[in-house]
Amino acid sequence: MGYTNVDLKGKIMEMYPEIGKHGISVGLDFSKEKNAYIVKFAKDKHELTTHLEKKDADECMDGIKCVYLGVQIGQFIKNFEIIENE
């Protein structure tokens, strides 16, 4: 399956609208060494770096939500909201 990093980032933003809603930036690069995408979420001084296996990225592009990535996004948002409310 052929797609670019921009395509994958767009798909992630589409599938997880809470990223944009909370003003979180997303960066991603493919690591040939790990055969996975390195995904970085950031807002203000807070960052979370995780990876998305190639197989999961392919499924994401097919419209299948990646549970692992969704959990990571949810945890980042939850942690950020807790910090904001302190």
N, C-alpha and C. Protein backbone atom coordinates (compact mmCIF):
# COMPACT_ATOMS: atom_id res chain seq x y z
N MET A 1 0.85 -1.17 0.00
CA MET A 1 0.00 0.00 0.00
C MET A 1 0.90 1.23 0.00
N GLY A 2 0.65 2.15 -0.90
CA GLY A 2 1.46 3.35 -0.99
C GLY A 2 0.73 4.58 -0.47
N TYR A 3 1.35 5.27 0.46
CA TYR A 3 0.82 6.53 0.97
C TYR A 3 1.99 7.31 1.56
N THR A 4 1.79 8.60 1.69
CA THR A 4 2.85 9.45 2.22
C THR A 4 2.63 9.70 3.71
N ASN A 5 3.64 10.28 4.34
CA ASN A 5 3.50 10.67 5.75
C ASN A 5 2.36 11.67 5.91
N VAL A 6 2.23 12.58 4.94
CA VAL A 6 1.15 13.58 4.98
C VAL A 6 -0.21 12.90 4.91
N ASP A 7 -0.33 11.87 4.06
CA ASP A 7 -1.59 11.12 3.96
C ASP A 7 -1.93 10.46 5.30
N LEU A 8 -0.93 9.82 5.91
CA LEU A 8 -1.15 9.11 7.17
C LEU A 8 -1.50 10.10 8.28
N LYS A 9 -0.79 11.20 8.35
CA LYS A 9 -1.09 12.21 9.36
C LYS A 9 -2.51 12.73 9.20
N GLY A 10 -2.92 12.99 7.96
CA GLY A 10 -4.28 13.44 7.69
C GLY A 10 -5.31 12.42 8.14
N LYS A 11 -5.03 11.16 7.89
CA LYS A 11 -5.96 10.09 8.28
C LYS A 11 -6.06 9.99 9.80
N ILE A 12 -4.93 10.10 10.49
CA ILE A 12 -4.93 10.07 11.96
C ILE A 12 -5.76 11.24 12.50
N MET A 13 -5.56 12.43 11.93
CA MET A 13 -6.31 13.61 12.37
C MET A 13 -7.81 13.44 12.10
N GLU A 14 -8.14 12.79 11.00
CA GLU A 14 -9.54 12.54 10.65
C GLU A 14 -10.16 11.53 11.61
N MET A 15 -9.43 10.48 11.93
CA MET A 15 -9.97 9.41 12.77
C MET A 15 -10.02 9.79 14.25
N TYR A 16 -9.16 10.70 14.65
CA TYR A 16 -9.09 11.12 16.04
C TYR A 16 -9.24 12.64 16.11
N PRO A 17 -10.46 13.16 15.90
CA PRO A 17 -10.67 14.61 15.85
C PRO A 17 -10.32 15.33 17.16
N GLU A 18 -10.24 14.58 18.24
CA GLU A 18 -9.89 15.20 19.52
C GLU A 18 -8.48 15.81 19.49
N ILE A 19 -7.64 15.34 18.58
CA ILE A 19 -6.29 15.91 18.44
C ILE A 19 -6.41 17.39 18.07
N GLY A 20 -7.16 17.69 17.03
CA GLY A 20 -7.34 19.07 16.61
C GLY A 20 -8.14 19.88 17.61
N LYS A 21 -9.14 19.25 18.19
CA LYS A 21 -9.99 19.93 19.16
C LYS A 21 -9.18 20.47 20.34
N HIS A 22 -8.14 19.73 20.72
CA HIS A 22 -7.31 20.13 21.86
C HIS A 22 -6.05 20.87 21.43
N GLY A 23 -5.92 21.18 20.14
CA GLY A 23 -4.78 21.95 19.67
C GLY A 23 -3.45 21.22 19.77
N ILE A 24 -3.49 19.92 19.61
CA ILE A 24 -2.28 19.10 19.70
C ILE A 24 -1.66 18.99 18.31
N SER A 25 -0.36 19.22 18.23
CA SER A 25 0.32 19.07 16.95
C SER A 25 0.81 17.63 16.80
N VAL A 26 0.88 17.18 15.57
CA VAL A 26 1.29 15.81 15.27
C VAL A 26 2.44 15.84 14.27
N GLY A 27 3.48 15.12 14.59
CA GLY A 27 4.58 14.94 13.65
C GLY A 27 4.83 13.46 13.50
N LEU A 28 5.23 13.04 12.32
CA LEU A 28 5.55 11.62 12.17
C LEU A 28 6.59 11.41 11.09
N ASP A 29 7.42 10.41 11.34
CA ASP A 29 8.46 10.00 10.41
C ASP A 29 8.52 8.49 10.41
N PHE A 30 8.89 7.94 9.26
CA PHE A 30 9.03 6.48 9.17
C PHE A 30 10.45 6.09 9.53
N SER A 31 10.57 5.10 10.42
CA SER A 31 11.87 4.57 10.80
C SER A 31 12.07 3.23 10.09
N LYS A 32 12.99 3.21 9.12
CA LYS A 32 13.28 1.96 8.42
C LYS A 32 13.83 0.92 9.38
N GLU A 33 14.63 1.40 10.33
CA GLU A 33 15.25 0.52 11.33
C GLU A 33 14.19 -0.25 12.14
N LYS A 34 13.13 0.45 12.53
CA LYS A 34 12.07 -0.15 13.35
C LYS A 34 10.90 -0.65 12.51
N ASN A 35 10.89 -0.30 11.21
CA ASN A 35 9.76 -0.61 10.33
C ASN A 35 8.45 -0.14 10.95
N ALA A 36 8.52 1.09 11.48
CA ALA A 36 7.36 1.69 12.15
C ALA A 36 7.43 3.20 12.00
N TYR A 37 6.28 3.82 12.18
CA TYR A 37 6.22 5.28 12.18
C TYR A 37 6.44 5.77 13.60
N ILE A 38 7.29 6.77 13.75
CA ILE A 38 7.49 7.42 15.03
C ILE A 38 6.56 8.63 15.03
N VAL A 39 5.63 8.62 15.97
CA VAL A 39 4.60 9.65 16.03
C VAL A 39 4.85 10.51 17.27
N LYS A 40 4.88 11.83 17.06
CA LYS A 40 5.11 12.75 18.17
C LYS A 40 3.92 13.68 18.29
N PHE A 41 3.32 13.69 19.48
CA PHE A 41 2.23 14.60 19.81
C PHE A 41 2.81 15.67 20.72
N ALA A 42 2.42 16.92 20.50
CA ALA A 42 2.95 18.00 21.32
C ALA A 42 1.90 19.08 21.52
N LYS A 43 1.93 19.65 22.70
CA LYS A 43 1.13 20.83 23.00
C LYS A 43 1.89 21.59 24.07
N ASP A 44 2.18 22.84 23.76
CA ASP A 44 2.98 23.68 24.64
C ASP A 44 4.31 22.97 24.91
N LYS A 45 4.64 22.77 26.17
CA LYS A 45 5.92 22.12 26.48
C LYS A 45 5.77 20.61 26.70
N HIS A 46 4.59 20.09 26.50
CA HIS A 46 4.32 18.67 26.73
C HIS A 46 4.45 17.88 25.43
N GLU A 47 5.10 16.74 25.50
CA GLU A 47 5.28 15.89 24.32
C GLU A 47 5.06 14.43 24.67
N LEU A 48 4.59 13.70 23.69
CA LEU A 48 4.48 12.25 23.79
C LEU A 48 4.98 11.69 22.47
N THR A 49 5.94 10.79 22.55
CA THR A 49 6.44 10.12 21.36
C THR A 49 6.08 8.64 21.48
N THR A 50 5.49 8.11 20.43
CA THR A 50 5.10 6.71 20.40
C THR A 50 5.39 6.17 19.00
N HIS A 51 5.12 4.92 18.80
CA HIS A 51 5.34 4.36 17.47
C HIS A 51 4.06 3.69 16.98
N LEU A 52 3.96 3.63 15.67
CA LEU A 52 2.82 3.00 15.00
C LEU A 52 3.39 2.00 14.01
N GLU A 53 3.16 0.73 14.29
CA GLU A 53 3.69 -0.33 13.43
C GLU A 53 3.17 -0.14 12.00
N LYS A 54 3.96 -0.52 11.04
CA LYS A 54 3.61 -0.39 9.62
C LYS A 54 2.25 -1.05 9.34
N LYS A 55 2.04 -2.22 9.90
CA LYS A 55 0.78 -2.96 9.71
C LYS A 55 -0.40 -2.14 10.25
N ASP A 56 -0.22 -1.53 11.41
CA ASP A 56 -1.28 -0.70 11.99
C ASP A 56 -1.51 0.55 11.16
N ALA A 57 -0.43 1.14 10.63
CA ALA A 57 -0.57 2.31 9.77
C ALA A 57 -1.35 1.95 8.51
N ASP A 58 -1.05 0.79 7.94
CA ASP A 58 -1.78 0.33 6.75
C ASP A 58 -3.27 0.19 7.06
N GLU A 59 -3.58 -0.40 8.22
CA GLU A 59 -4.98 -0.57 8.62
C GLU A 59 -5.65 0.79 8.85
N CYS A 60 -4.90 1.71 9.44
CA CYS A 60 -5.41 3.07 9.65
C CYS A 60 -5.81 3.69 8.32
N MET A 61 -4.96 3.54 7.32
CA MET A 61 -5.26 4.09 6.00
C MET A 61 -6.47 3.41 5.37
N ASP A 62 -6.77 2.18 5.80
CA ASP A 62 -7.96 1.47 5.33
C ASP A 62 -9.20 1.81 6.15
N GLY A 63 -9.04 2.74 7.12
CA GLY A 63 -10.18 3.17 7.92
C GLY A 63 -10.39 2.40 9.20
N ILE A 64 -9.43 1.57 9.57
CA ILE A 64 -9.53 0.79 10.81
C ILE A 64 -8.78 1.53 11.90
N LYS A 65 -9.48 1.89 12.97
CA LYS A 65 -8.84 2.62 14.06
C LYS A 65 -7.81 1.74 14.76
N CYS A 66 -6.69 2.34 15.04
CA CYS A 66 -5.63 1.66 15.77
C CYS A 66 -5.88 1.85 17.26
N VAL A 67 -6.23 0.79 17.95
CA VAL A 67 -6.59 0.88 19.37
C VAL A 67 -5.40 1.41 20.18
N TYR A 68 -4.21 0.90 19.92
CA TYR A 68 -3.03 1.32 20.67
C TYR A 68 -2.82 2.83 20.52
N LEU A 69 -2.88 3.34 19.31
CA LEU A 69 -2.68 4.76 19.07
C LEU A 69 -3.79 5.57 19.73
N GLY A 70 -5.01 5.10 19.66
CA GLY A 70 -6.13 5.78 20.30
C GLY A 70 -5.95 5.88 21.81
N VAL A 71 -5.45 4.82 22.42
CA VAL A 71 -5.18 4.83 23.87
C VAL A 71 -4.10 5.86 24.19
N GLN A 72 -3.04 5.89 23.38
CA GLN A 72 -1.96 6.85 23.59
C GLN A 72 -2.48 8.29 23.49
N ILE A 73 -3.28 8.55 22.48
CA ILE A 73 -3.84 9.89 22.29
C ILE A 73 -4.73 10.25 23.49
N GLY A 74 -5.58 9.33 23.88
CA GLY A 74 -6.49 9.56 25.01
C GLY A 74 -5.73 9.85 26.29
N GLN A 75 -4.66 9.09 26.54
CA GLN A 75 -3.87 9.28 27.75
C GLN A 75 -3.17 10.64 27.73
N PHE A 76 -2.64 11.02 26.56
CA PHE A 76 -1.97 12.32 26.45
C PHE A 76 -2.96 13.45 26.74
N ILE A 77 -4.14 13.37 26.15
CA ILE A 77 -5.15 14.41 26.37
C ILE A 77 -5.56 14.44 27.84
N LYS A 78 -5.77 13.28 28.43
CA LYS A 78 -6.17 13.20 29.83
C LYS A 78 -5.09 13.84 30.72
N ASN A 79 -3.84 13.48 30.48
CA ASN A 79 -2.75 14.04 31.28
C ASN A 79 -2.65 15.54 31.10
N PHE A 80 -2.82 15.99 29.86
CA PHE A 80 -2.72 17.42 29.59
C PHE A 80 -3.86 18.16 30.28
N GLU A 81 -5.06 17.62 30.27
CA GLU A 81 -6.20 18.26 30.91
C GLU A 81 -6.00 18.33 32.41
N ILE A 82 -5.41 17.30 33.00
CA ILE A 82 -5.15 17.30 34.45
C ILE A 82 -4.16 18.42 34.77
N ILE A 83 -3.12 18.56 33.99
CA ILE A 83 -2.12 19.60 34.20
C ILE A 83 -2.75 20.99 34.06
N GLU A 84 -3.59 21.15 33.03
CA GLU A 84 -4.25 22.44 32.79
C GLU A 84 -5.12 22.85 33.96
N ASN A 85 -5.77 21.87 34.61
CA ASN A 85 -6.72 22.17 35.66
C ASN A 85 -6.09 22.30 37.04
N GLU A 86 -4.81 22.11 37.13
CA GLU A 86 -4.14 22.21 38.44
C GLU A 86 -3.95 23.65 38.85
